[in-house]
Amino acid sequence: MALDLHDYIASYEDFPEPGVLFRDISPLMEDGQAYHQATDEIVKYAKEKKVDLIVGPEARGFIVGCPVAYDLGIGFVPARKKGKLPGKTVSASYGLEYGKSSLYLHSDAVKPGQRVLITDDLLATGGTIEATIKLVEQLGGIVVGAAFIVEIEALKGREKIRDYDILSLLKY
């Protein structure tokens, strides 16, 4: 990459737990050239994987997945919280530090055999990504990889999705 994306990532100490620096891509999104460069790297990865569909959890997955899907000329599907999707859905749960939560997809959002890339801005604990993968696979999709702008290695999210190919543009 021509730009150093590290210059476009904000840090917050002790969030989400003491001793962990949280990385935020808000400054990256303020610079269209840097943001475009980051999503271009994910587009290249998706082309190599011959992706048919992009799926991302909630709003953060949308931030990365939508421009990638647009550049590829394919669809983007959000995995959402309960009540945010009308119609018939499938669900998958994931653990939080204070309990459990679930994500949902429309039951017809992913077609059997579709090659799916999971995208998000951040790989932290991996819970939402693991749940998103479960949703895609419940519907018969084939998860060919997961792509992130930032990975916080101390939170060990990679362990939850270690069976999948992973692209992280920046590791902390």
N, C-alpha and C. Protein backbone atom coordinates (compact mmCIF):
# COMPACT_ATOMS: atom_id res chain seq x y z
N MET A 1 0.83 -1.18 0.00
CA MET A 1 0.00 0.00 0.00
C MET A 1 0.88 1.25 0.00
N ALA A 2 0.46 2.25 -0.72
CA ALA A 2 1.23 3.49 -0.82
C ALA A 2 1.12 4.32 0.46
N LEU A 3 -0.06 4.38 1.05
CA LEU A 3 -0.25 5.14 2.29
C LEU A 3 -0.01 4.23 3.49
N ASP A 4 0.41 4.83 4.60
CA ASP A 4 0.52 4.06 5.83
C ASP A 4 -0.80 4.21 6.57
N LEU A 5 -1.63 3.18 6.52
CA LEU A 5 -2.95 3.26 7.14
C LEU A 5 -2.88 3.42 8.66
N HIS A 6 -1.75 3.10 9.27
CA HIS A 6 -1.61 3.30 10.71
C HIS A 6 -1.85 4.76 11.09
N ASP A 7 -1.55 5.68 10.18
CA ASP A 7 -1.75 7.11 10.45
C ASP A 7 -3.22 7.49 10.52
N TYR A 8 -4.10 6.59 10.12
CA TYR A 8 -5.52 6.89 10.04
C TYR A 8 -6.36 6.10 11.04
N ILE A 9 -5.73 5.55 12.05
CA ILE A 9 -6.44 4.75 13.04
C ILE A 9 -6.32 5.42 14.41
N ALA A 10 -7.44 5.63 15.07
CA ALA A 10 -7.45 6.22 16.41
C ALA A 10 -7.34 5.10 17.45
N SER A 11 -6.79 5.42 18.60
CA SER A 11 -6.63 4.45 19.68
C SER A 11 -7.30 4.95 20.95
N TYR A 12 -7.90 4.01 21.67
CA TYR A 12 -8.53 4.33 22.95
C TYR A 12 -8.00 3.34 23.97
N GLU A 13 -7.44 3.83 25.04
CA GLU A 13 -6.86 2.94 26.05
C GLU A 13 -7.94 2.28 26.90
N ASP A 14 -7.65 1.04 27.30
CA ASP A 14 -8.48 0.28 28.23
C ASP A 14 -9.92 0.07 27.76
N PHE A 15 -10.12 -0.07 26.48
CA PHE A 15 -11.44 -0.38 25.97
C PHE A 15 -11.28 -1.47 24.92
N PRO A 16 -11.96 -2.54 25.00
CA PRO A 16 -13.11 -2.85 25.86
C PRO A 16 -12.76 -3.45 27.21
N GLU A 17 -11.46 -3.64 27.49
CA GLU A 17 -11.07 -4.15 28.81
C GLU A 17 -9.71 -3.56 29.17
N PRO A 18 -9.38 -3.50 30.46
CA PRO A 18 -8.09 -2.92 30.87
C PRO A 18 -6.91 -3.59 30.19
N GLY A 19 -5.96 -2.79 29.76
CA GLY A 19 -4.76 -3.31 29.13
C GLY A 19 -4.88 -3.55 27.64
N VAL A 20 -6.02 -3.22 27.05
CA VAL A 20 -6.23 -3.43 25.62
C VAL A 20 -6.48 -2.08 24.96
N LEU A 21 -5.74 -1.81 23.90
CA LEU A 21 -5.98 -0.61 23.11
C LEU A 21 -7.00 -0.93 22.04
N PHE A 22 -8.08 -0.17 22.02
CA PHE A 22 -9.11 -0.32 21.00
C PHE A 22 -8.73 0.57 19.82
N ARG A 23 -8.86 0.07 18.62
CA ARG A 23 -8.52 0.83 17.42
C ARG A 23 -9.80 1.17 16.67
N ASP A 24 -9.92 2.41 16.26
CA ASP A 24 -11.12 2.92 15.60
C ASP A 24 -10.75 3.46 14.23
N ILE A 25 -11.56 3.13 13.21
CA ILE A 25 -11.23 3.57 11.85
C ILE A 25 -11.88 4.90 11.48
N SER A 26 -12.48 5.62 12.44
CA SER A 26 -13.12 6.91 12.11
C SER A 26 -12.21 7.87 11.37
N PRO A 27 -10.95 8.04 11.79
CA PRO A 27 -10.08 8.94 11.02
C PRO A 27 -9.83 8.45 9.59
N LEU A 28 -9.81 7.14 9.39
CA LEU A 28 -9.63 6.58 8.06
C LEU A 28 -10.79 6.97 7.15
N MET A 29 -11.99 6.93 7.69
CA MET A 29 -13.17 7.25 6.89
C MET A 29 -13.24 8.73 6.51
N GLU A 30 -12.54 9.57 7.26
CA GLU A 30 -12.53 11.01 6.96
C GLU A 30 -11.66 11.32 5.75
N ASP A 31 -10.74 10.43 5.41
CA ASP A 31 -9.86 10.64 4.27
C ASP A 31 -10.27 9.66 3.17
N GLY A 32 -10.97 10.18 2.17
CA GLY A 32 -11.49 9.33 1.10
C GLY A 32 -10.42 8.52 0.40
N GLN A 33 -9.23 9.10 0.20
CA GLN A 33 -8.16 8.38 -0.50
C GLN A 33 -7.67 7.19 0.32
N ALA A 34 -7.46 7.40 1.61
CA ALA A 34 -6.99 6.31 2.47
C ALA A 34 -8.05 5.22 2.61
N TYR A 35 -9.30 5.63 2.78
CA TYR A 35 -10.40 4.67 2.91
C TYR A 35 -10.55 3.85 1.63
N HIS A 36 -10.46 4.51 0.49
CA HIS A 36 -10.55 3.83 -0.79
C HIS A 36 -9.40 2.84 -0.96
N GLN A 37 -8.22 3.24 -0.52
CA GLN A 37 -7.07 2.34 -0.61
C GLN A 37 -7.29 1.09 0.23
N ALA A 38 -7.83 1.26 1.43
CA ALA A 38 -8.08 0.11 2.30
C ALA A 38 -9.13 -0.82 1.68
N THR A 39 -10.22 -0.26 1.19
CA THR A 39 -11.25 -1.12 0.61
C THR A 39 -10.76 -1.76 -0.69
N ASP A 40 -9.87 -1.08 -1.43
CA ASP A 40 -9.29 -1.67 -2.64
C ASP A 40 -8.53 -2.96 -2.33
N GLU A 41 -7.83 -2.99 -1.19
CA GLU A 41 -7.10 -4.19 -0.79
C GLU A 41 -8.08 -5.35 -0.55
N ILE A 42 -9.22 -5.04 0.04
CA ILE A 42 -10.22 -6.06 0.31
C ILE A 42 -10.90 -6.50 -1.00
N VAL A 43 -11.10 -5.57 -1.92
CA VAL A 43 -11.65 -5.91 -3.24
C VAL A 43 -10.73 -6.89 -3.96
N LYS A 44 -9.43 -6.64 -3.92
CA LYS A 44 -8.48 -7.56 -4.56
C LYS A 44 -8.59 -8.96 -3.95
N TYR A 45 -8.64 -9.01 -2.64
CA TYR A 45 -8.78 -10.27 -1.92
C TYR A 45 -10.07 -10.98 -2.33
N ALA A 46 -11.17 -10.24 -2.41
CA ALA A 46 -12.46 -10.82 -2.79
C ALA A 46 -12.43 -11.36 -4.22
N LYS A 47 -11.75 -10.65 -5.12
CA LYS A 47 -11.65 -11.12 -6.50
C LYS A 47 -10.88 -12.43 -6.56
N GLU A 48 -9.80 -12.54 -5.78
CA GLU A 48 -9.03 -13.78 -5.73
C GLU A 48 -9.88 -14.94 -5.24
N LYS A 49 -10.79 -14.66 -4.33
CA LYS A 49 -11.66 -15.68 -3.73
C LYS A 49 -12.90 -15.97 -4.58
N LYS A 50 -13.10 -15.20 -5.66
CA LYS A 50 -14.25 -15.36 -6.54
C LYS A 50 -15.56 -15.29 -5.76
N VAL A 51 -15.71 -14.20 -5.04
CA VAL A 51 -16.83 -13.98 -4.13
C VAL A 51 -18.10 -13.61 -4.90
N ASP A 52 -19.24 -14.18 -4.45
CA ASP A 52 -20.56 -13.87 -5.03
C ASP A 52 -21.34 -12.87 -4.19
N LEU A 53 -21.02 -12.77 -2.90
CA LEU A 53 -21.81 -11.98 -1.97
C LEU A 53 -20.94 -11.55 -0.80
N ILE A 54 -21.20 -10.34 -0.29
CA ILE A 54 -20.53 -9.84 0.91
C ILE A 54 -21.55 -9.82 2.05
N VAL A 55 -21.17 -10.33 3.22
CA VAL A 55 -22.03 -10.28 4.40
C VAL A 55 -21.22 -9.67 5.54
N GLY A 56 -21.85 -8.74 6.26
CA GLY A 56 -21.17 -8.10 7.39
C GLY A 56 -22.10 -7.91 8.56
N PRO A 57 -21.58 -8.03 9.79
CA PRO A 57 -22.42 -7.86 10.96
C PRO A 57 -22.71 -6.39 11.26
N GLU A 58 -24.01 -6.10 11.42
CA GLU A 58 -24.47 -4.78 11.84
C GLU A 58 -23.86 -3.63 11.04
N ALA A 59 -23.79 -2.47 11.63
CA ALA A 59 -23.37 -1.26 10.92
C ALA A 59 -21.89 -1.28 10.55
N ARG A 60 -21.05 -1.83 11.42
CA ARG A 60 -19.61 -1.81 11.13
C ARG A 60 -19.27 -2.67 9.92
N GLY A 61 -19.97 -3.78 9.77
CA GLY A 61 -19.76 -4.60 8.59
C GLY A 61 -20.17 -3.87 7.33
N PHE A 62 -21.19 -3.03 7.46
CA PHE A 62 -21.68 -2.23 6.34
C PHE A 62 -20.64 -1.22 5.89
N ILE A 63 -19.92 -0.63 6.84
CA ILE A 63 -18.91 0.40 6.54
C ILE A 63 -17.86 -0.13 5.57
N VAL A 64 -17.47 -1.37 5.74
CA VAL A 64 -16.45 -1.97 4.88
C VAL A 64 -17.10 -2.73 3.72
N GLY A 65 -18.12 -3.50 4.02
CA GLY A 65 -18.71 -4.39 3.03
C GLY A 65 -19.42 -3.71 1.89
N CYS A 66 -20.11 -2.62 2.16
CA CYS A 66 -20.88 -1.96 1.11
C CYS A 66 -19.99 -1.42 -0.02
N PRO A 67 -18.92 -0.67 0.27
CA PRO A 67 -18.08 -0.21 -0.83
C PRO A 67 -17.37 -1.35 -1.56
N VAL A 68 -17.03 -2.40 -0.85
CA VAL A 68 -16.40 -3.55 -1.51
C VAL A 68 -17.40 -4.21 -2.45
N ALA A 69 -18.62 -4.44 -1.97
CA ALA A 69 -19.65 -5.05 -2.81
C ALA A 69 -19.94 -4.17 -4.04
N TYR A 70 -20.00 -2.88 -3.83
CA TYR A 70 -20.27 -1.95 -4.94
C TYR A 70 -19.17 -2.05 -6.00
N ASP A 71 -17.91 -2.03 -5.55
CA ASP A 71 -16.80 -2.13 -6.50
C ASP A 71 -16.81 -3.45 -7.27
N LEU A 72 -17.28 -4.51 -6.63
CA LEU A 72 -17.32 -5.82 -7.27
C LEU A 72 -18.59 -6.03 -8.11
N GLY A 73 -19.58 -5.16 -7.91
CA GLY A 73 -20.84 -5.32 -8.63
C GLY A 73 -21.68 -6.47 -8.11
N ILE A 74 -21.56 -6.75 -6.79
CA ILE A 74 -22.33 -7.84 -6.18
C ILE A 74 -23.11 -7.29 -5.00
N GLY A 75 -23.90 -8.14 -4.35
CA GLY A 75 -24.74 -7.71 -3.25
C GLY A 75 -24.02 -7.69 -1.91
N PHE A 76 -24.59 -6.89 -0.99
CA PHE A 76 -24.17 -6.85 0.40
C PHE A 76 -25.38 -7.19 1.26
N VAL A 77 -25.18 -8.06 2.26
CA VAL A 77 -26.25 -8.45 3.18
C VAL A 77 -25.80 -8.17 4.61
N PRO A 78 -26.60 -7.43 5.39
CA PRO A 78 -26.23 -7.20 6.79
C PRO A 78 -26.79 -8.29 7.70
N ALA A 79 -25.97 -8.75 8.63
CA ALA A 79 -26.45 -9.58 9.74
C ALA A 79 -26.83 -8.59 10.83
N ARG A 80 -28.07 -8.66 11.30
CA ARG A 80 -28.59 -7.63 12.18
C ARG A 80 -29.03 -8.17 13.52
N LYS A 81 -29.31 -7.26 14.45
CA LYS A 81 -29.88 -7.63 15.75
C LYS A 81 -31.37 -7.92 15.58
N LYS A 82 -31.94 -8.61 16.55
CA LYS A 82 -33.36 -8.98 16.51
C LYS A 82 -34.23 -7.73 16.38
N GLY A 83 -35.26 -7.87 15.60
CA GLY A 83 -36.21 -6.78 15.43
C GLY A 83 -35.84 -5.79 14.34
N LYS A 84 -34.65 -5.91 13.79
CA LYS A 84 -34.23 -4.97 12.75
C LYS A 84 -34.42 -5.53 11.35
N LEU A 85 -34.89 -6.77 11.25
CA LEU A 85 -35.15 -7.39 9.95
C LEU A 85 -36.58 -7.90 9.92
N PRO A 86 -37.38 -7.45 8.97
CA PRO A 86 -38.73 -7.99 8.86
C PRO A 86 -38.71 -9.34 8.15
N GLY A 87 -39.77 -10.11 8.32
CA GLY A 87 -39.90 -11.38 7.61
C GLY A 87 -39.20 -12.52 8.31
N LYS A 88 -39.13 -13.65 7.61
CA LYS A 88 -38.55 -14.89 8.15
C LYS A 88 -37.02 -14.77 8.22
N THR A 89 -36.47 -15.13 9.37
CA THR A 89 -35.03 -15.02 9.57
C THR A 89 -34.46 -16.30 10.17
N VAL A 90 -33.12 -16.42 10.10
CA VAL A 90 -32.38 -17.43 10.84
C VAL A 90 -31.52 -16.67 11.84
N SER A 91 -31.11 -17.35 12.92
CA SER A 91 -30.33 -16.66 13.95
C SER A 91 -29.12 -17.48 14.38
N ALA A 92 -28.14 -16.78 14.95
CA ALA A 92 -26.96 -17.42 15.55
C ALA A 92 -26.55 -16.57 16.75
N SER A 93 -26.25 -17.23 17.85
CA SER A 93 -25.86 -16.53 19.08
C SER A 93 -24.36 -16.42 19.21
N TYR A 94 -23.93 -15.45 20.01
CA TYR A 94 -22.52 -15.29 20.33
C TYR A 94 -22.40 -14.73 21.74
N GLY A 95 -21.25 -15.00 22.36
CA GLY A 95 -21.04 -14.58 23.73
C GLY A 95 -20.54 -13.15 23.83
N LEU A 96 -20.98 -12.49 24.88
CA LEU A 96 -20.51 -11.16 25.24
C LEU A 96 -19.96 -11.24 26.66
N GLU A 97 -19.22 -10.22 27.07
CA GLU A 97 -18.68 -10.23 28.43
C GLU A 97 -19.79 -10.20 29.47
N TYR A 98 -21.01 -9.80 29.09
CA TYR A 98 -22.13 -9.72 30.04
C TYR A 98 -23.27 -10.67 29.67
N GLY A 99 -23.04 -11.65 28.84
CA GLY A 99 -24.08 -12.60 28.48
C GLY A 99 -24.01 -13.02 27.04
N LYS A 100 -25.16 -13.19 26.41
CA LYS A 100 -25.24 -13.62 25.02
C LYS A 100 -26.07 -12.63 24.22
N SER A 101 -25.81 -12.62 22.94
CA SER A 101 -26.62 -11.86 22.00
C SER A 101 -26.77 -12.71 20.74
N SER A 102 -27.56 -12.23 19.81
CA SER A 102 -27.77 -12.98 18.57
C SER A 102 -27.78 -12.04 17.38
N LEU A 103 -27.42 -12.59 16.23
CA LEU A 103 -27.54 -11.90 14.96
C LEU A 103 -28.52 -12.68 14.10
N TYR A 104 -29.12 -11.97 13.13
CA TYR A 104 -30.15 -12.56 12.28
C TYR A 104 -29.89 -12.21 10.83
N LEU A 105 -30.25 -13.12 9.93
CA LEU A 105 -30.24 -12.87 8.48
C LEU A 105 -31.60 -13.27 7.93
N HIS A 106 -32.05 -12.59 6.88
CA HIS A 106 -33.23 -13.06 6.16
C HIS A 106 -32.98 -14.47 5.70
N SER A 107 -33.99 -15.31 5.77
CA SER A 107 -33.81 -16.72 5.41
C SER A 107 -33.52 -16.92 3.93
N ASP A 108 -33.77 -15.90 3.10
CA ASP A 108 -33.45 -16.02 1.68
C ASP A 108 -32.30 -15.11 1.24
N ALA A 109 -31.54 -14.59 2.21
CA ALA A 109 -30.47 -13.63 1.91
C ALA A 109 -29.28 -14.27 1.22
N VAL A 110 -28.99 -15.51 1.55
CA VAL A 110 -27.84 -16.23 0.98
C VAL A 110 -28.38 -17.47 0.29
N LYS A 111 -27.99 -17.64 -0.94
CA LYS A 111 -28.43 -18.81 -1.70
C LYS A 111 -27.44 -19.96 -1.51
N PRO A 112 -27.92 -21.20 -1.47
CA PRO A 112 -27.01 -22.34 -1.33
C PRO A 112 -25.93 -22.31 -2.41
N GLY A 113 -24.69 -22.53 -1.98
CA GLY A 113 -23.56 -22.56 -2.89
C GLY A 113 -22.92 -21.21 -3.17
N GLN A 114 -23.54 -20.10 -2.74
CA GLN A 114 -22.92 -18.79 -2.95
C GLN A 114 -21.63 -18.68 -2.18
N ARG A 115 -20.62 -18.11 -2.82
CA ARG A 115 -19.31 -17.89 -2.20
C ARG A 115 -19.35 -16.54 -1.49
N VAL A 116 -19.20 -16.57 -0.17
CA VAL A 116 -19.42 -15.39 0.66
C VAL A 116 -18.13 -14.95 1.34
N LEU A 117 -17.90 -13.63 1.32
CA LEU A 117 -16.83 -13.01 2.10
C LEU A 117 -17.47 -12.26 3.24
N ILE A 118 -16.99 -12.51 4.46
CA ILE A 118 -17.45 -11.78 5.64
C ILE A 118 -16.54 -10.58 5.81
N THR A 119 -17.11 -9.38 5.98
CA THR A 119 -16.29 -8.17 6.16
C THR A 119 -16.71 -7.45 7.43
N ASP A 120 -15.75 -6.77 8.01
CA ASP A 120 -16.00 -5.91 9.17
C ASP A 120 -14.82 -4.95 9.28
N ASP A 121 -15.01 -3.86 10.01
CA ASP A 121 -13.90 -2.93 10.18
C ASP A 121 -12.88 -3.47 11.16
N LEU A 122 -13.33 -4.33 12.10
CA LEU A 122 -12.50 -4.72 13.22
C LEU A 122 -12.69 -6.18 13.58
N LEU A 123 -11.60 -6.90 13.77
CA LEU A 123 -11.65 -8.23 14.37
C LEU A 123 -11.15 -8.07 15.80
N ALA A 124 -12.07 -8.18 16.75
CA ALA A 124 -11.72 -8.04 18.17
C ALA A 124 -11.86 -9.41 18.84
N THR A 125 -12.97 -9.66 19.52
CA THR A 125 -13.16 -10.96 20.18
C THR A 125 -13.65 -12.03 19.21
N GLY A 126 -14.15 -11.64 18.05
CA GLY A 126 -14.57 -12.59 17.03
C GLY A 126 -15.98 -13.11 17.16
N GLY A 127 -16.71 -12.71 18.19
CA GLY A 127 -18.05 -13.23 18.42
C GLY A 127 -19.04 -12.94 17.31
N THR A 128 -19.11 -11.69 16.87
CA THR A 128 -20.08 -11.36 15.82
C THR A 128 -19.68 -12.00 14.49
N ILE A 129 -18.38 -12.14 14.26
CA ILE A 129 -17.93 -12.76 13.01
C ILE A 129 -18.27 -14.25 13.03
N GLU A 130 -18.02 -14.90 14.15
CA GLU A 130 -18.35 -16.32 14.28
C GLU A 130 -19.86 -16.54 14.05
N ALA A 131 -20.71 -15.68 14.64
CA ALA A 131 -22.15 -15.79 14.47
C ALA A 131 -22.54 -15.54 13.01
N THR A 132 -21.90 -14.58 12.36
CA THR A 132 -22.20 -14.28 10.96
C THR A 132 -21.86 -15.48 10.07
N ILE A 133 -20.73 -16.10 10.34
CA ILE A 133 -20.34 -17.30 9.59
C ILE A 133 -21.38 -18.40 9.77
N LYS A 134 -21.84 -18.61 11.00
CA LYS A 134 -22.86 -19.63 11.27
C LYS A 134 -24.14 -19.35 10.47
N LEU A 135 -24.53 -18.08 10.40
CA LEU A 135 -25.73 -17.71 9.66
C LEU A 135 -25.59 -18.06 8.18
N VAL A 136 -24.47 -17.67 7.59
CA VAL A 136 -24.23 -17.94 6.17
C VAL A 136 -24.26 -19.44 5.91
N GLU A 137 -23.62 -20.20 6.77
CA GLU A 137 -23.56 -21.65 6.57
C GLU A 137 -24.91 -22.33 6.81
N GLN A 138 -25.73 -21.79 7.73
CA GLN A 138 -27.08 -22.32 7.92
C GLN A 138 -27.90 -22.24 6.64
N LEU A 139 -27.65 -21.19 5.86
CA LEU A 139 -28.39 -20.96 4.63
C LEU A 139 -27.75 -21.65 3.42
N GLY A 140 -26.66 -22.37 3.64
CA GLY A 140 -26.02 -23.12 2.56
C GLY A 140 -24.94 -22.36 1.81
N GLY A 141 -24.59 -21.16 2.29
CA GLY A 141 -23.51 -20.40 1.68
C GLY A 141 -22.15 -20.99 2.02
N ILE A 142 -21.15 -20.65 1.22
CA ILE A 142 -19.78 -21.12 1.44
C ILE A 142 -18.94 -19.92 1.83
N VAL A 143 -18.47 -19.89 3.07
CA VAL A 143 -17.63 -18.78 3.55
C VAL A 143 -16.22 -19.02 3.04
N VAL A 144 -15.76 -18.15 2.13
CA VAL A 144 -14.44 -18.32 1.52
C VAL A 144 -13.37 -17.49 2.24
N GLY A 145 -13.78 -16.64 3.19
CA GLY A 145 -12.82 -15.85 3.93
C GLY A 145 -13.50 -14.74 4.70
N ALA A 146 -12.68 -14.03 5.47
CA ALA A 146 -13.14 -12.88 6.24
C ALA A 146 -12.07 -11.79 6.11
N ALA A 147 -12.51 -10.54 5.96
CA ALA A 147 -11.58 -9.43 5.75
C ALA A 147 -11.88 -8.29 6.71
N PHE A 148 -10.80 -7.74 7.28
CA PHE A 148 -10.91 -6.67 8.28
C PHE A 148 -9.88 -5.59 8.00
N ILE A 149 -10.21 -4.38 8.40
CA ILE A 149 -9.22 -3.30 8.31
C ILE A 149 -8.26 -3.40 9.49
N VAL A 150 -8.79 -3.64 10.69
CA VAL A 150 -7.96 -3.70 11.91
C VAL A 150 -8.23 -5.00 12.65
N GLU A 151 -7.16 -5.61 13.15
CA GLU A 151 -7.27 -6.77 14.03
C GLU A 151 -6.56 -6.46 15.34
N ILE A 152 -7.27 -6.63 16.46
CA ILE A 152 -6.66 -6.44 17.78
C ILE A 152 -6.28 -7.83 18.28
N GLU A 153 -5.00 -8.16 18.12
CA GLU A 153 -4.54 -9.53 18.40
C GLU A 153 -4.73 -9.94 19.86
N ALA A 154 -4.62 -8.99 20.81
CA ALA A 154 -4.74 -9.32 22.23
C ALA A 154 -6.12 -9.88 22.59
N LEU A 155 -7.14 -9.57 21.80
CA LEU A 155 -8.49 -10.07 22.09
C LEU A 155 -8.77 -11.43 21.47
N LYS A 156 -7.84 -11.96 20.69
CA LYS A 156 -7.84 -13.34 20.20
C LYS A 156 -9.08 -13.74 19.40
N GLY A 157 -9.63 -12.80 18.63
CA GLY A 157 -10.79 -13.11 17.80
C GLY A 157 -10.49 -14.13 16.72
N ARG A 158 -9.26 -14.16 16.26
CA ARG A 158 -8.85 -15.10 15.21
C ARG A 158 -9.08 -16.54 15.65
N GLU A 159 -8.96 -16.81 16.95
CA GLU A 159 -9.14 -18.18 17.45
C GLU A 159 -10.54 -18.71 17.17
N LYS A 160 -11.55 -17.82 17.19
CA LYS A 160 -12.93 -18.26 16.96
C LYS A 160 -13.20 -18.57 15.49
N ILE A 161 -12.37 -18.03 14.61
CA ILE A 161 -12.61 -18.23 13.17
C ILE A 161 -11.37 -18.79 12.48
N ARG A 162 -10.57 -19.52 13.21
CA ARG A 162 -9.28 -20.00 12.71
C ARG A 162 -9.40 -20.96 11.53
N ASP A 163 -10.57 -21.56 11.33
CA ASP A 163 -10.72 -22.49 10.21
C ASP A 163 -10.95 -21.78 8.88
N TYR A 164 -10.98 -20.47 8.89
CA TYR A 164 -11.27 -19.69 7.70
C TYR A 164 -10.07 -18.83 7.31
N ASP A 165 -9.96 -18.54 6.04
CA ASP A 165 -8.90 -17.66 5.56
C ASP A 165 -9.23 -16.23 6.00
N ILE A 166 -8.23 -15.52 6.51
CA ILE A 166 -8.47 -14.19 7.09
C ILE A 166 -7.48 -13.19 6.49
N LEU A 167 -8.03 -12.03 6.10
CA LEU A 167 -7.20 -10.89 5.68
C LEU A 167 -7.38 -9.79 6.70
N SER A 168 -6.29 -9.35 7.32
CA SER A 168 -6.30 -8.19 8.22
C SER A 168 -5.30 -7.19 7.64
N LEU A 169 -5.77 -5.97 7.36
CA LEU A 169 -4.86 -4.98 6.80
C LEU A 169 -3.89 -4.44 7.84
N LEU A 170 -4.35 -4.27 9.08
CA LEU A 170 -3.51 -3.78 10.17
C LEU A 170 -3.70 -4.66 11.39
N LYS A 171 -2.59 -5.07 12.00
CA LYS A 171 -2.66 -5.87 13.23
C LYS A 171 -2.03 -5.08 14.36
N TYR A 172 -2.71 -5.10 15.49
CA TYR A 172 -2.20 -4.43 16.69
C TYR A 172 -2.14 -5.43 17.83
